[in-house]
Protein backbone atom coordinates (compact mmCIF):
# COMPACT_ATOMS: atom_id res chain seq x y z
CA MET A 1 81.45 66.20 20.07
CA ASN A 2 78.36 65.39 18.00
CA HIS A 3 75.21 67.38 18.78
CA ALA A 4 71.62 66.51 17.92
CA PRO A 5 70.03 68.79 15.32
CA MET A 6 68.18 71.80 16.67
CA THR A 7 64.38 71.58 16.77
CA CYS A 8 62.08 74.39 15.66
CA ALA A 9 61.14 75.08 19.30
CA GLU A 10 64.81 75.39 20.25
CA PHE A 11 65.37 77.66 17.27
CA VAL A 12 62.53 79.98 18.33
CA ASP A 13 63.86 80.05 21.89
CA GLN A 14 67.27 81.17 20.63
CA VAL A 15 66.30 83.82 18.05
CA GLY A 16 66.67 86.70 20.51
CA ALA A 17 70.07 85.49 21.69
CA HIS A 18 71.12 85.03 18.06
CA LEU A 19 70.20 88.60 17.15
CA GLU A 20 71.99 89.91 20.23
CA GLY A 21 75.12 87.87 19.45
CA ASP A 22 74.79 85.85 22.65
CA LEU A 23 75.03 82.31 21.21
CA THR A 24 78.09 80.18 21.80
CA PRO A 25 79.94 79.00 18.68
CA THR A 26 78.30 75.56 19.06
CA GLN A 27 74.82 77.08 19.46
CA MET A 28 75.46 79.33 16.46
CA ALA A 29 76.49 76.36 14.31
CA LEU A 30 73.34 74.46 15.31
CA PHE A 31 71.21 77.55 14.71
CA ASP A 32 72.70 78.12 11.26
CA ALA A 33 72.39 74.43 10.35
CA HIS A 34 68.70 74.44 11.31
CA LEU A 35 68.10 77.67 9.41
CA ALA A 36 69.65 76.14 6.29
CA VAL A 37 67.14 73.27 6.21
CA CYS A 38 63.95 74.74 7.68
CA PRO A 39 61.91 77.12 5.52
CA ARG A 40 59.40 77.67 8.33
CA CYS A 41 62.08 78.94 10.69
CA ARG A 42 63.57 81.12 7.92
CA ARG A 43 60.14 82.75 7.58
CA TYR A 44 59.88 83.05 11.37
CA LEU A 45 63.28 84.74 11.60
CA ALA A 46 62.35 87.14 8.80
CA SER A 47 59.08 88.09 10.54
CA TYR A 48 60.89 88.48 13.88
CA LYS A 49 63.43 90.83 12.29
CA ALA A 50 60.59 92.75 10.62
CA ALA A 51 58.86 93.15 14.00
CA VAL A 52 62.08 94.46 15.53
CA SER A 53 62.42 96.93 12.66
CA LEU A 54 58.84 98.13 13.13
CA VAL A 55 59.40 98.69 16.85
CA ARG A 56 62.60 100.60 16.13
CA ALA A 57 60.85 102.69 13.48
CA ALA A 58 58.04 103.47 15.91
CA MET A 59 60.60 104.49 18.50
CA ALA A 60 62.37 106.75 16.01
CA ASP A 61 59.07 108.36 15.00
CA SER A 62 58.21 108.94 18.66
CA GLU A 63 61.59 110.50 19.35
CA GLU A 64 61.23 112.82 16.35
CA ARG A 65 57.94 114.04 17.80
CA GLY A 66 59.60 114.60 21.17
CA ALA A 67 57.94 111.67 22.94
CA GLN A 68 59.77 109.50 25.43
CA SER A 69 61.54 106.53 23.93
CA LEU A 70 60.06 103.12 24.60
CA PRO A 71 61.57 101.34 27.58
CA GLU A 72 63.73 98.35 26.67
CA ALA A 73 61.51 96.14 28.85
CA LEU A 74 58.51 97.05 26.68
CA VAL A 75 60.37 96.21 23.48
CA LYS A 76 61.45 92.84 24.92
CA SER A 77 57.90 92.15 26.07
CA ILE A 78 56.57 92.84 22.58
CA MET A 79 59.17 90.51 21.08
CA ARG A 80 58.37 87.71 23.59
CA ARG A 81 54.68 88.02 22.76
CA HIS A 82 55.48 87.90 19.06
CA ARG A 83 57.49 84.69 19.56
CA ARG A 84 54.61 83.04 21.44
CA ARG A 85 52.16 83.80 18.62
CA LYS A 86 54.18 81.75 16.11
């Protein structure tokens, strides 16, 4: 089956699923193919991963100080907001 190339909007919508390993093999192939040809989406993915790392680092710092860890819903909300800003 021949699939249309992935658009940037579709790519952005699937970044979270990609990082969580939730894409089907077909979706993953389309995602990777788009990533190979789109420098803007490569930059977006890099900034998304950096944001995730910052949130995780903040969580680790909070836990070291004895604070409650951030709820998963808050982390996901931050990541959704980050995606919308791009």
